[in-house]
C-alpha atoms as a PDB file:
ATOM      1  CA  MET A   1      37.562 145.651 124.114  1.00  0.00           C
ATOM      2  CA  ASN A   2      40.629 148.240 123.893  1.00  0.00           C
ATOM      3  CA  VAL A   3      41.094 151.091 126.415  1.00  0.00           C
ATOM      4  CA  LEU A   4      39.276 153.688 124.058  1.00  0.00           C
ATOM      5  CA  ARG A   5      36.447 151.944 122.779  1.00  0.00           C
ATOM      6  CA  LYS A   6      36.000 150.755 126.829  1.00  0.00           C
ATOM      7  CA  SER A   7      36.199 154.174 127.791  1.00  0.00           C
ATOM      8  CA  LEU A   8      33.835 155.518 125.167  1.00  0.00           C
ATOM      9  CA  PHE A   9      31.475 152.748 125.901  1.00  0.00           C
ATOM     10  CA  LEU A  10      31.397 153.331 129.634  1.00  0.00           C
ATOM     11  CA  GLN A  11      31.014 157.442 129.231  1.00  0.00           C
ATOM     12  CA  PHE A  12      27.817 156.517 126.592  1.00  0.00           C
ATOM     13  CA  ALA A  13      26.467 153.285 128.022  1.00  0.00           C
ATOM     14  CA  ALA A  14      24.114 155.094 130.323  1.00  0.00           C
ATOM     15  CA  PRO A  15      20.927 156.776 128.931  1.00  0.00           C
ATOM     16  CA  SER A  16      21.382 160.484 128.341  1.00  0.00           C
ATOM     17  CA  PRO A  17      19.077 162.958 130.496  1.00  0.00           C
ATOM     18  CA  ILE A  18      17.206 163.829 127.311  1.00  0.00           C
ATOM     19  CA  VAL A  19      16.392 160.568 126.331  1.00  0.00           C
ATOM     20  CA  THR A  20      15.432 159.308 130.054  1.00  0.00           C
ATOM     21  CA  ALA A  21      12.995 162.228 130.398  1.00  0.00           C
ATOM     22  CA  SER A  22      11.483 161.909 126.613  1.00  0.00           C
ATOM     23  CA  PHE A  23      10.800 158.236 127.632  1.00  0.00           C
ATOM     24  CA  ALA A  24       8.812 159.277 130.931  1.00  0.00           C
ATOM     25  CA  THR A  25       5.531 158.930 129.246  1.00  0.00           C
ATOM     26  CA  ALA A  26       4.159 157.188 125.788  1.00  0.00           C
ATOM     27  CA  GLY A  27       3.340 160.305 124.480  1.00  0.00           C
ATOM     28  CA  LEU A  28       6.364 161.969 125.318  1.00  0.00           C
ATOM     29  CA  ARG A  29       8.467 158.990 123.776  1.00  0.00           C
ATOM     30  CA  SER A  30       6.564 159.565 120.781  1.00  0.00           C
ATOM     31  CA  LYS A  31       7.467 162.895 120.369  1.00  0.00           C
ATOM     32  CA  PHE A  32      11.214 161.963 121.155  1.00  0.00           C
ATOM     33  CA  ILE A  33      11.130 159.605 118.148  1.00  0.00           C
ATOM     34  CA  MET A  34       9.581 161.861 115.783  1.00  0.00           C
ATOM     35  CA  SER A  35      11.905 164.577 116.583  1.00  0.00           C
ATOM     36  CA  LYS A  36      15.674 162.902 116.239  1.00  0.00           C
ATOM     37  CA  PRO A  37      18.236 165.207 115.488  1.00  0.00           C
ATOM     38  CA  LYS A  38      19.655 165.096 111.591  1.00  0.00           C
ATOM     39  CA  VAL A  39      23.202 164.580 110.768  1.00  0.00           C
ATOM     40  CA  PHE A  40      24.584 164.604 107.546  1.00  0.00           C
ATOM     41  CA  VAL A  41      27.870 162.219 107.024  1.00  0.00           C
ATOM     42  CA  THR A  42      30.190 163.252 103.810  1.00  0.00           C
ATOM     43  CA  ARG A  43      31.159 159.866 102.962  1.00  0.00           C
ATOM     44  CA  PRO A  44      29.589 156.397 102.625  1.00  0.00           C
ATOM     45  CA  ASP A  45      32.675 154.534 103.319  1.00  0.00           C
ATOM     46  CA  ILE A  46      33.051 155.577 106.951  1.00  0.00           C
ATOM     47  CA  PRO A  47      33.338 152.329 109.280  1.00  0.00           C
ATOM     48  CA  ILE A  48      29.774 151.132 109.783  1.00  0.00           C
ATOM     49  CA  GLU A  49      30.469 150.710 113.530  1.00  0.00           C
ATOM     50  CA  ALA A  50      30.367 154.738 113.705  1.00  0.00           C
ATOM     51  CA  ILE A  51      27.051 154.656 111.483  1.00  0.00           C
ATOM     52  CA  ASP A  52      25.199 152.343 113.200  1.00  0.00           C
ATOM     53  CA  LEU A  53      26.068 154.004 116.630  1.00  0.00           C
ATOM     54  CA  LEU A  54      24.629 157.344 114.941  1.00  0.00           C
ATOM     55  CA  LYS A  55      21.570 155.799 113.762  1.00  0.00           C
ATOM     56  CA  GLU A  56      20.432 154.569 117.091  1.00  0.00           C
ATOM     57  CA  ARG A  57      19.981 158.322 118.314  1.00  0.00           C
ATOM     58  CA  ALA A  58      20.080 160.369 115.140  1.00  0.00           C
ATOM     59  CA  GLU A  59      18.428 160.392 111.664  1.00  0.00           C
ATOM     60  CA  VAL A  60      21.386 159.862 109.329  1.00  0.00           C
ATOM     61  CA  SER A  61      21.502 160.858 105.704  1.00  0.00           C
ATOM     62  CA  MET A  62      25.149 160.652 103.522  1.00  0.00           C
ATOM     63  CA  TRP A  63      26.682 161.144 100.159  1.00  0.00           C
ATOM     64  CA  GLU A  64      26.806 158.172  98.444  1.00  0.00           C
ATOM     65  CA  GLU A  65      29.810 158.107  96.481  1.00  0.00           C
ATOM     66  CA  ALA A  66      33.344 156.884  97.967  1.00  0.00           C
ATOM     67  CA  VAL A  67      34.700 160.494  97.046  1.00  0.00           C
ATOM     68  CA  PRO A  68      34.668 163.972  98.514  1.00  0.00           C
ATOM     69  CA  VAL A  69      31.171 165.600  98.193  1.00  0.00           C
ATOM     70  CA  PRO A  70      30.949 167.947  95.673  1.00  0.00           C
ATOM     71  CA  ARG A  71      30.967 171.475  97.222  1.00  0.00           C
ATOM     72  CA  SER A  72      27.690 172.310  95.638  1.00  0.00           C
ATOM     73  CA  ILE A  73      25.962 168.955  97.105  1.00  0.00           C
ATOM     74  CA  LEU A  74      27.426 169.705 100.402  1.00  0.00           C
ATOM     75  CA  LEU A  75      25.783 173.220 100.725  1.00  0.00           C
ATOM     76  CA  GLU A  76      22.951 171.714  99.569  1.00  0.00           C
ATOM     77  CA  GLN A  77      22.694 168.638 101.816  1.00  0.00           C
ATOM     78  CA  VAL A  78      23.859 170.417 105.217  1.00  0.00           C
ATOM     79  CA  ASN A  79      20.964 172.763 104.981  1.00  0.00           C
ATOM     80  CA  GLY A  80      18.187 171.953 108.214  1.00  0.00           C
ATOM     81  CA  LYS A  81      20.406 169.494 109.667  1.00  0.00           C
ATOM     82  CA  ASP A  82      21.722 169.587 113.217  1.00  0.00           C
ATOM     83  CA  ALA A  83      25.120 168.093 113.182  1.00  0.00           C
ATOM     84  CA  LEU A  84      27.683 167.535 110.285  1.00  0.00           C
ATOM     85  CA  PHE A  85      30.152 164.377 110.092  1.00  0.00           C
ATOM     86  CA  CYS A  86      32.688 165.522 108.061  1.00  0.00           C
ATOM     87  CA  THR A  87      36.838 164.489 107.197  1.00  0.00           C
ATOM     88  CA  LEU A  88      39.742 166.867 106.267  1.00  0.00           C
ATOM     89  CA  THR A  89      38.423 167.430 102.442  1.00  0.00           C
ATOM     90  CA  ASP A  90      35.615 168.973 103.553  1.00  0.00           C
ATOM     91  CA  ARG A  91      36.021 172.856 103.759  1.00  0.00           C
ATOM     92  CA  ILE A  92      33.543 174.198 106.838  1.00  0.00           C
ATOM     93  CA  ASP A  93      33.649 177.858 106.592  1.00  0.00           C
ATOM     94  CA  LYS A  94      31.050 180.772 106.710  1.00  0.00           C
ATOM     95  CA  GLU A  95      29.378 179.849 103.431  1.00  0.00           C
ATOM     96  CA  LEU A  96      28.861 176.199 104.731  1.00  0.00           C
ATOM     97  CA  VAL A  97      27.378 177.549 108.119  1.00  0.00           C
ATOM     98  CA  GLU A  98      25.156 179.671 106.544  1.00  0.00           C
ATOM     99  CA  ALA A  99      23.828 177.294 104.351  1.00  0.00           C
ATOM    100  CA  ALA A 100      23.297 175.003 107.156  1.00  0.00           C
ATOM    101  CA  GLY A 101      20.897 177.619 108.824  1.00  0.00           C
ATOM    102  CA  PRO A 102      20.583 178.050 112.278  1.00  0.00           C
ATOM    103  CA  GLY A 103      19.739 174.606 113.571  1.00  0.00           C
ATOM    104  CA  LEU A 104      23.717 173.431 113.152  1.00  0.00           C
ATOM    105  CA  ARG A 105      24.858 172.957 116.453  1.00  0.00           C
ATOM    106  CA  VAL A 106      27.694 170.089 116.222  1.00  0.00           C
ATOM    107  CA  ILE A 107      30.306 169.241 114.136  1.00  0.00           C
ATOM    108  CA  GLY A 108      32.566 166.350 114.211  1.00  0.00           C
ATOM    109  CA  THR A 109      35.704 165.880 112.360  1.00  0.00           C
ATOM    110  CA  MET A 110      37.274 162.485 111.584  1.00  0.00           C
ATOM    111  CA  SER A 111      40.957 163.691 111.784  1.00  0.00           C
ATOM    112  CA  VAL A 112      43.194 165.099 114.287  1.00  0.00           C
ATOM    113  CA  GLY A 113      44.162 168.132 112.300  1.00  0.00           C
ATOM    114  CA  TYR A 114      41.081 170.913 111.670  1.00  0.00           C
ATOM    115  CA  ASP A 115      42.965 173.662 109.380  1.00  0.00           C
ATOM    116  CA  HIS A 116      39.906 173.120 107.222  1.00  0.00           C
ATOM    117  CA  VAL A 117      37.390 174.190 109.820  1.00  0.00           C
ATOM    118  CA  ASP A 118      36.787 178.046 110.230  1.00  0.00           C
ATOM    119  CA  THR A 119      36.820 177.703 114.099  1.00  0.00           C
ATOM    120  CA  SER A 120      36.518 181.516 114.743  1.00  0.00           C
ATOM    121  CA  GLU A 121      33.255 181.107 112.613  1.00  0.00           C
ATOM    122  CA  LEU A 122      32.251 178.429 114.756  1.00  0.00           C
ATOM    123  CA  LYS A 123      32.792 180.013 117.666  1.00  0.00           C
ATOM    124  CA  LYS A 124      30.722 182.996 116.978  1.00  0.00           C
ATOM    125  CA  ARG A 125      27.473 181.088 116.239  1.00  0.00           C
ATOM    126  CA  GLY A 126      28.273 178.853 119.039  1.00  0.00           C
ATOM    127  CA  ILE A 127      28.670 175.473 117.324  1.00  0.00           C
ATOM    128  CA  LYS A 128      30.778 172.902 118.664  1.00  0.00           C
ATOM    129  CA  LEU A 129      33.772 171.188 116.998  1.00  0.00           C
ATOM    130  CA  GLY A 130      35.039 167.657 117.905  1.00  0.00           C
ATOM    131  CA  TYR A 131      38.115 166.144 116.570  1.00  0.00           C
ATOM    132  CA  THR A 132      40.065 162.762 117.063  1.00  0.00           C
ATOM    133  CA  PRO A 133      43.635 163.410 119.039  1.00  0.00           C
ATOM    134  CA  ASP A 134      45.102 160.416 120.514  1.00  0.00           C
ATOM    135  CA  VAL A 135      43.700 157.464 118.647  1.00  0.00           C
ATOM    136  CA  LEU A 136      46.001 158.064 115.504  1.00  0.00           C
ATOM    137  CA  THR A 137      49.483 158.714 117.517  1.00  0.00           C
ATOM    138  CA  ASP A 138      50.345 155.093 117.374  1.00  0.00           C
ATOM    139  CA  SER A 139      49.637 154.515 113.429  1.00  0.00           C
ATOM    140  CA  VAL A 140      50.914 157.961 112.066  1.00  0.00           C
ATOM    141  CA  ALA A 141      54.324 157.460 114.410  1.00  0.00           C
ATOM    142  CA  ASP A 142      54.725 154.104 113.076  1.00  0.00           C
ATOM    143  CA  LEU A 143      54.107 155.065 109.279  1.00  0.00           C
ATOM    144  CA  THR A 144      56.745 157.885 109.978  1.00  0.00           C
ATOM    145  CA  VAL A 145      59.556 155.794 111.114  1.00  0.00           C
ATOM    146  CA  GLY A 146      58.691 153.477 108.091  1.00  0.00           C
ATOM    147  CA  LEU A 147      59.012 156.568 105.564  1.00  0.00           C
ATOM    148  CA  LEU A 148      62.156 157.666 107.132  1.00  0.00           C
ATOM    149  CA  LEU A 149      63.696 154.291 106.572  1.00  0.00           C
ATOM    150  CA  ALA A 150      62.475 153.849 103.241  1.00  0.00           C
ATOM    151  CA  SER A 151      63.901 157.145 102.044  1.00  0.00           C
ATOM    152  CA  SER A 152      66.978 156.927 103.969  1.00  0.00           C
ATOM    153  CA  ARG A 153      67.540 153.255 102.931  1.00  0.00           C
ATOM    154  CA  ARG A 154      66.359 154.088  99.387  1.00  0.00           C
ATOM    155  CA  PHE A 155      63.641 151.456  99.350  1.00  0.00           C
ATOM    156  CA  PHE A 156      61.706 152.827  96.653  1.00  0.00           C
ATOM    157  CA  GLU A 157      64.606 153.379  94.615  1.00  0.00           C
ATOM    158  CA  ALA A 158      66.048 150.278  95.182  1.00  0.00           C
ATOM    159  CA  ASN A 159      62.628 148.296  93.954  1.00  0.00           C
ATOM    160  CA  GLN A 160      62.185 150.447  90.870  1.00  0.00           C
ATOM    161  CA  SER A 161      65.930 149.513  89.838  1.00  0.00           C
ATOM    162  CA  ILE A 162      64.905 145.748  89.528  1.00  0.00           C
ATOM    163  CA  SER A 163      62.040 146.399  87.223  1.00  0.00           C
ATOM    164  CA  ARG A 164      64.265 148.808  85.087  1.00  0.00           C
ATOM    165  CA  GLY A 165      66.752 145.834  85.160  1.00  0.00           C
ATOM    166  CA  ALA A 166      69.164 147.935  86.559  1.00  0.00           C
ATOM    167  CA  TRP A 167      70.029 145.160  89.230  1.00  0.00           C
ATOM    168  CA  THR A 168      72.754 143.501  87.732  1.00  0.00           C
ATOM    169  CA  SER A 169      75.286 142.022  90.303  1.00  0.00           C
ATOM    170  CA  TRP A 170      76.301 142.899  93.634  1.00  0.00           C
ATOM    171  CA  SER A 171      78.345 146.078  94.169  1.00  0.00           C
ATOM    172  CA  PRO A 172      79.920 147.645  97.232  1.00  0.00           C
ATOM    173  CA  MET A 173      78.568 150.913  97.194  1.00  0.00           C
ATOM    174  CA  TRP A 174      75.217 150.427  95.370  1.00  0.00           C
ATOM    175  CA  MET A 175      72.198 151.780  96.576  1.00  0.00           C
ATOM    176  CA  CYS A 176      73.852 152.421  99.716  1.00  0.00           C
ATOM    177  CA  GLY A 177      71.926 155.215 101.901  1.00  0.00           C
ATOM    178  CA  GLN A 178      72.137 156.881 105.261  1.00  0.00           C
ATOM    179  CA  GLY A 179      71.645 154.862 108.651  1.00  0.00           C
ATOM    180  CA  LEU A 180      70.513 156.110 111.931  1.00  0.00           C
ATOM    181  CA  LYS A 181      73.136 154.908 114.012  1.00  0.00           C
ATOM    182  CA  ASP A 182      75.024 157.764 115.812  1.00  0.00           C
ATOM    183  CA  SER A 183      73.131 160.086 114.160  1.00  0.00           C
ATOM    184  CA  VAL A 184      71.327 163.305 114.834  1.00  0.00           C
ATOM    185  CA  VAL A 185      67.377 163.429 114.522  1.00  0.00           C
ATOM    186  CA  GLY A 186      65.496 166.793 114.471  1.00  0.00           C
ATOM    187  CA  ILE A 187      61.849 166.983 115.701  1.00  0.00           C
ATOM    188  CA  VAL A 188      59.757 169.695 114.212  1.00  0.00           C
ATOM    189  CA  GLY A 189      56.571 169.673 116.666  1.00  0.00           C
ATOM    190  CA  MET A 190      57.164 167.467 119.636  1.00  0.00           C
ATOM    191  CA  GLY A 191      53.195 166.640 120.384  1.00  0.00           C
ATOM    192  CA  ARG A 192      52.047 163.569 120.726  1.00  0.00           C
ATOM    193  CA  ILE A 193      52.978 162.082 117.467  1.00  0.00           C
ATOM    194  CA  GLY A 194      56.573 163.629 117.840  1.00  0.00           C
ATOM    195  CA  LYS A 195      57.065 161.944 121.047  1.00  0.00           C
ATOM    196  CA  ALA A 196      55.739 158.720 119.604  1.00  0.00           C
ATOM    197  CA  VAL A 197      58.355 158.786 116.916  1.00  0.00           C
ATOM    198  CA  VAL A 198      61.227 159.656 119.228  1.00  0.00           C
ATOM    199  CA  GLN A 199      60.121 156.738 121.434  1.00  0.00           C
ATOM    200  CA  ARG A 200      60.171 154.474 118.244  1.00  0.00           C
ATOM    201  CA  LEU A 201      63.424 155.594 117.198  1.00  0.00           C
ATOM    202  CA  GLN A 202      65.280 155.187 120.397  1.00  0.00           C
ATOM    203  CA  PRO A 203      66.419 151.318 119.870  1.00  0.00           C
ATOM    204  CA  PHE A 204      68.164 152.349 116.520  1.00  0.00           C
ATOM    205  CA  GLY A 205      71.537 153.822 118.430  1.00  0.00           C
ATOM    206  CA  VAL A 206      70.364 157.509 117.613  1.00  0.00           C
ATOM    207  CA  LYS A 207      73.016 159.492 119.048  1.00  0.00           C
ATOM    208  CA  GLN A 208      70.986 162.896 119.830  1.00  0.00           C
ATOM    209  CA  PHE A 209      67.535 164.011 119.612  1.00  0.00           C
ATOM    210  CA  LEU A 210      66.719 167.538 119.094  1.00  0.00           C
ATOM    211  CA  TYR A 211      63.400 169.226 118.960  1.00  0.00           C
ATOM    212  CA  PHE A 212      61.946 172.611 118.276  1.00  0.00           C
ATOM    213  CA  GLY A 213      58.192 174.118 118.788  1.00  0.00           C
ATOM    214  CA  ARG A 214      56.307 177.073 120.439  1.00  0.00           C
ATOM    215  CA  SER A 215      57.832 176.395 123.672  1.00  0.00           C
ATOM    216  CA  ARG A 216      60.159 173.845 125.583  1.00  0.00           C
ATOM    217  CA  LYS A 217      58.160 170.801 126.943  1.00  0.00           C
ATOM    218  CA  ALA A 218      58.505 170.274 130.517  1.00  0.00           C
ATOM    219  CA  ASP A 219      59.016 166.419 130.147  1.00  0.00           C
ATOM    220  CA  ASP A 220      61.369 166.564 127.187  1.00  0.00           C
ATOM    221  CA  SER A 221      63.912 164.503 129.795  1.00  0.00           C
ATOM    222  CA  GLU A 222      61.517 161.605 129.571  1.00  0.00           C
ATOM    223  CA  VAL A 223      62.183 161.184 125.644  1.00  0.00           C
ATOM    224  CA  ASN A 224      65.726 162.034 126.351  1.00  0.00           C
ATOM    225  CA  ALA A 225      65.502 165.405 123.615  1.00  0.00           C
ATOM    226  CA  GLU A 226      67.153 168.837 123.741  1.00  0.00           C
ATOM    227  CA  TYR A 227      64.924 171.993 122.839  1.00  0.00           C
ATOM    228  CA  VAL A 228      66.768 174.519 120.469  1.00  0.00           C
ATOM    229  CA  THR A 229      65.896 176.907 117.641  1.00  0.00           C
ATOM    230  CA  LEU A 230      64.858 176.059 114.607  1.00  0.00           C
ATOM    231  CA  ASP A 231      67.891 177.064 112.701  1.00  0.00           C
ATOM    232  CA  GLN A 232      70.109 174.795 115.393  1.00  0.00           C
ATOM    233  CA  LEU A 233      68.011 171.862 114.324  1.00  0.00           C
ATOM    234  CA  LEU A 234      68.068 172.112 110.661  1.00  0.00           C
ATOM    235  CA  MET A 235      72.156 172.745 110.557  1.00  0.00           C
ATOM    236  CA  GLN A 236      72.776 169.771 113.072  1.00  0.00           C
ATOM    237  CA  SER A 237      70.171 167.116 111.935  1.00  0.00           C
ATOM    238  CA  ASP A 238      70.662 164.306 110.071  1.00  0.00           C
ATOM    239  CA  PHE A 239      67.118 163.509 109.874  1.00  0.00           C
ATOM    240  CA  VAL A 240      64.502 166.132 109.951  1.00  0.00           C
ATOM    241  CA  ILE A 241      61.156 165.214 110.711  1.00  0.00           C
ATOM    242  CA  VAL A 242      57.997 167.178 110.499  1.00  0.00           C
ATOM    243  CA  THR A 243      55.070 166.451 113.081  1.00  0.00           C
ATOM    244  CA  CYS A 244      53.652 170.145 113.815  1.00  0.00           C
ATOM    245  CA  ALA A 245      50.505 171.466 113.262  1.00  0.00           C
ATOM    246  CA  LEU A 246      49.606 173.781 110.176  1.00  0.00           C
ATOM    247  CA  THR A 247      48.660 177.137 111.487  1.00  0.00           C
ATOM    248  CA  LYS A 248      49.495 180.774 110.147  1.00  0.00           C
ATOM    249  CA  GLU A 249      52.783 180.846 111.910  1.00  0.00           C
ATOM    250  CA  THR A 250      54.047 177.263 110.156  1.00  0.00           C
ATOM    251  CA  ASN A 251      52.788 177.715 106.525  1.00  0.00           C
ATOM    252  CA  LYS A 252      55.319 177.359 104.227  1.00  0.00           C
ATOM    253  CA  MET A 253      57.911 176.949 107.144  1.00  0.00           C
ATOM    254  CA  PHE A 254      60.045 174.916 105.017  1.00  0.00           C
ATOM    255  CA  GLY A 255      61.095 176.787 102.111  1.00  0.00           C
ATOM    256  CA  SER A 256      64.436 177.597 100.001  1.00  0.00           C
ATOM    257  CA  GLU A 257      66.336 179.143 103.138  1.00  0.00           C
ATOM    258  CA  ALA A 258      65.606 176.139 105.469  1.00  0.00           C
ATOM    259  CA  PHE A 259      66.744 173.581 102.940  1.00  0.00           C
ATOM    260  CA  LYS A 260      69.907 175.580 102.739  1.00  0.00           C
ATOM    261  CA  LYS A 261      70.523 175.514 106.145  1.00  0.00           C
ATOM    262  CA  MET A 262      70.186 171.538 106.294  1.00  0.00           C
ATOM    263  CA  LYS A 263      73.217 168.893 105.450  1.00  0.00           C
ATOM    264  CA  ARG A 264      73.318 167.846 102.155  1.00  0.00           C
ATOM    265  CA  THR A 265      73.128 164.454 103.499  1.00  0.00           C
ATOM    266  CA  ALA A 266      69.969 165.460 105.552  1.00  0.00           C
ATOM    267  CA  ILE A 267      66.879 163.446 105.085  1.00  0.00           C
ATOM    268  CA  PHE A 268      63.525 165.084 105.516  1.00  0.00           C
ATOM    269  CA  VAL A 269      60.394 163.652 106.421  1.00  0.00           C
ATOM    270  CA  ASN A 270      57.086 165.028 106.546  1.00  0.00           C
ATOM    271  CA  THR A 271      54.087 163.309 107.922  1.00  0.00           C
ATOM    272  CA  SER A 272      51.772 166.402 108.794  1.00  0.00           C
ATOM    273  CA  ARG A 273      50.538 168.880 106.382  1.00  0.00           C
ATOM    274  CA  GLY A 274      51.576 169.574 102.856  1.00  0.00           C
ATOM    275  CA  ASP A 275      51.309 173.483 103.281  1.00  0.00           C
ATOM    276  CA  LEU A 276      53.669 173.392 105.828  1.00  0.00           C
ATOM    277  CA  VAL A 277      56.589 172.850 103.070  1.00  0.00           C
ATOM    278  CA  ASP A 278      57.352 175.243  99.925  1.00  0.00           C
ATOM    279  CA  GLN A 279      57.023 172.076  97.429  1.00  0.00           C
ATOM    280  CA  ASP A 280      58.782 174.092  94.488  1.00  0.00           C
ATOM    281  CA  ALA A 281      61.434 174.927  97.237  1.00  0.00           C
ATOM    282  CA  LEU A 282      61.397 170.974  98.245  1.00  0.00           C
ATOM    283  CA  VAL A 283      61.771 170.054  94.286  1.00  0.00           C
ATOM    284  CA  ASP A 284      64.451 172.253  93.930  1.00  0.00           C
ATOM    285  CA  ALA A 285      66.639 170.652  97.005  1.00  0.00           C
ATOM    286  CA  LEU A 286      65.776 167.187  96.141  1.00  0.00           C
ATOM    287  CA  LYS A 287      66.701 167.916  92.277  1.00  0.00           C
ATOM    288  CA  TYR A 288      70.225 170.028  92.835  1.00  0.00           C
ATOM    289  CA  LYS A 289      71.003 167.534  96.025  1.00  0.00           C
ATOM    290  CA  ARG A 290      70.837 170.443  98.362  1.00  0.00           C
ATOM    291  CA  ILE A 291      69.527 167.789 100.607  1.00  0.00           C
ATOM    292  CA  ALA A 292      69.797 163.953 100.255  1.00  0.00           C
ATOM    293  CA  ALA A 293      66.259 162.649 100.136  1.00  0.00           C
ATOM    294  CA  ALA A 294      62.600 163.378 101.386  1.00  0.00           C
ATOM    295  CA  GLY A 295      59.869 161.071 102.488  1.00  0.00           C
ATOM    296  CA  LEU A 296      56.109 162.671 102.438  1.00  0.00           C
ATOM    297  CA  ASP A 297      52.996 161.450 103.234  1.00  0.00           C
ATOM    298  CA  VAL A 298      51.303 165.002 102.713  1.00  0.00           C
ATOM    299  CA  MET A 299      51.630 167.180 100.129  1.00  0.00           C
ATOM    300  CA  THR A 300      49.988 170.416  97.844  1.00  0.00           C
ATOM    301  CA  PRO A 301      47.642 169.619  96.411  1.00  0.00           C
ATOM    302  CA  GLU A 302      46.256 166.018  97.370  1.00  0.00           C
ATOM    303  CA  PRO A 303      45.894 164.301  95.411  1.00  0.00           C
ATOM    304  CA  LEU A 304      49.119 164.950  93.974  1.00  0.00           C
ATOM    305  CA  PRO A 305      49.058 164.741  90.103  1.00  0.00           C
ATOM    306  CA  SER A 306      50.306 161.396  88.389  1.00  0.00           C
ATOM    307  CA  ASN A 307      52.834 164.100  86.274  1.00  0.00           C
ATOM    308  CA  HIS A 308      53.869 166.180  89.421  1.00  0.00           C
ATOM    309  CA  GLU A 309      57.568 166.447  89.366  1.00  0.00           C
ATOM    310  CA  LEU A 310      58.097 165.227  92.659  1.00  0.00           C
ATOM    311  CA  LEU A 311      57.403 161.576  91.676  1.00  0.00           C
ATOM    312  CA  SER A 312      59.983 161.955  88.877  1.00  0.00           C
ATOM    313  CA  LEU A 313      62.732 162.245  91.578  1.00  0.00           C
ATOM    314  CA  ASN A 314      64.614 158.769  92.668  1.00  0.00           C
ATOM    315  CA  ASN A 315      65.418 160.687  95.796  1.00  0.00           C
ATOM    316  CA  CYS A 316      61.793 161.120  97.093  1.00  0.00           C
ATOM    317  CA  ALA A 317      59.669 158.484  98.750  1.00  0.00           C
ATOM    318  CA  ILE A 318      56.215 159.338  98.457  1.00  0.00           C
ATOM    319  CA  LEU A 319      52.917 157.751 100.063  1.00  0.00           C
ATOM    320  CA  PRO A 320      49.010 158.941  99.707  1.00  0.00           C
ATOM    321  CA  HIS A 321      48.581 160.262 102.739  1.00  0.00           C
ATOM    322  CA  ILE A 322      47.907 157.090 104.553  1.00  0.00           C
ATOM    323  CA  GLY A 323      49.360 157.621 107.926  1.00  0.00           C
ATOM    324  CA  SER A 324      46.679 156.820 110.194  1.00  0.00           C
ATOM    325  CA  ALA A 325      45.648 153.918 107.688  1.00  0.00           C
ATOM    326  CA  THR A 326      44.969 150.959 109.590  1.00  0.00           C
ATOM    327  CA  VAL A 327      41.556 149.252 110.070  1.00  0.00           C
ATOM    328  CA  ARG A 328      41.644 149.721 113.909  1.00  0.00           C
ATOM    329  CA  THR A 329      42.665 153.359 113.563  1.00  0.00           C
ATOM    330  CA  ARG A 330      40.284 154.502 111.326  1.00  0.00           C
ATOM    331  CA  THR A 331      37.206 152.774 113.126  1.00  0.00           C
ATOM    332  CA  ASP A 332      38.694 154.369 116.425  1.00  0.00           C
ATOM    333  CA  MET A 333      38.298 157.754 114.819  1.00  0.00           C
ATOM    334  CA  ALA A 334      35.189 157.206 113.097  1.00  0.00           C
ATOM    335  CA  LEU A 335      33.994 155.927 116.790  1.00  0.00           C
ATOM    336  CA  LEU A 336      34.994 158.765 118.170  1.00  0.00           C
ATOM    337  CA  THR A 337      33.757 161.298 115.844  1.00  0.00           C
ATOM    338  CA  ALA A 338      30.221 159.696 116.018  1.00  0.00           C
ATOM    339  CA  HIS A 339      30.572 160.132 120.184  1.00  0.00           C
ATOM    340  CA  ASN A 340      31.847 163.692 119.728  1.00  0.00           C
ATOM    341  CA  ILE A 341      28.538 164.657 117.819  1.00  0.00           C
ATOM    342  CA  LEU A 342      25.955 162.690 119.795  1.00  0.00           C
ATOM    343  CA  ALA A 343      27.278 163.994 122.960  1.00  0.00           C
ATOM    344  CA  GLY A 344      27.311 168.057 121.517  1.00  0.00           C
ATOM    345  CA  LEU A 345      23.688 167.244 120.429  1.00  0.00           C
ATOM    346  CA  GLU A 346      22.921 166.054 123.750  1.00  0.00           C
ATOM    347  CA  GLY A 347      24.358 169.051 125.376  1.00  0.00           C
ATOM    348  CA  ASN A 348      27.167 166.890 127.390  1.00  0.00           C
ATOM    349  CA  PRO A 349      30.719 167.506 127.093  1.00  0.00           C
ATOM    350  CA  MET A 350      32.457 166.122 123.957  1.00  0.00           C
ATOM    351  CA  PRO A 351      35.159 163.441 124.511  1.00  0.00           C
ATOM    352  CA  ALA A 352      37.510 165.243 122.474  1.00  0.00           C
ATOM    353  CA  GLU A 353      36.340 168.780 122.171  1.00  0.00           C
ATOM    354  CA  VAL A 354      38.026 171.973 120.016  1.00  0.00           C
ATOM    355  CA  CYS A 355      35.541 174.448 120.637  1.00  0.00           C
END
């Protein structure tokens, strides 16, 4: 049993006071069974371990198709529910909580980001919100490094050249890209994932790590990274990696001016949120070679239309938002979301609580 699952099991193995009290007599036991809290799950393809856990202590209903639940159906189904199990594709706002009614007490989002949730509205109504930090740090950091290598060493472009018949014979400078050895790597957002990315890149012989965020980290010496301004990071870095949260302040922070400050040989990687980037400005920067290449796991909108201009650029490596997509990580995310919901319903502190 891994550390996360073991800790969650230990935390929730003992019956809660609510359950214990309800089983004091046969009559009360019957009353408890009849009054199980109601939870709506917005997708049917949530790992079954989490659904089974919820069903042990709640009445569970869910959307039946493996696509985002239509807004009208979500507003209808959330009515009268005590809790909601949602994902980042579900918009949680005033309209939704009003549609749910006064009984809605808990929302668990199966994501580390919660920019799809109006937290101020939840706070006003005393609705608890749980999320899933930590459990996806390693998988997202792994993919970030993979995407950096794919874009800098032109993996996708080289692969496509084979199917086009462009691979004819060996050539000294054909498909040459940028290497990490003796490079400067800039991290925008030195949180859990940013630090994990730095740790993974250290064996590649990087000369210097720079980072920018809201404030200097007290432990930045542990990862041998230097705190600088955003402009300094953009101008000095060979690789610019975005791992910061999406907020009002960071929305569209990477626009035309930011790309102009970067080296023409720079590689830009974003595995955080698409709205951190002015996508039209990124298209121009790639098309007119203001930067060398980009690697994206997030974009706007999602899914990206198959005819989007980004997909026509051979210096842009794009993945369909799969940063946390390992079986273990997604299962752990689902279990943590379920534990957050059950803890909130029983009046206990959530393992990972936003508000």
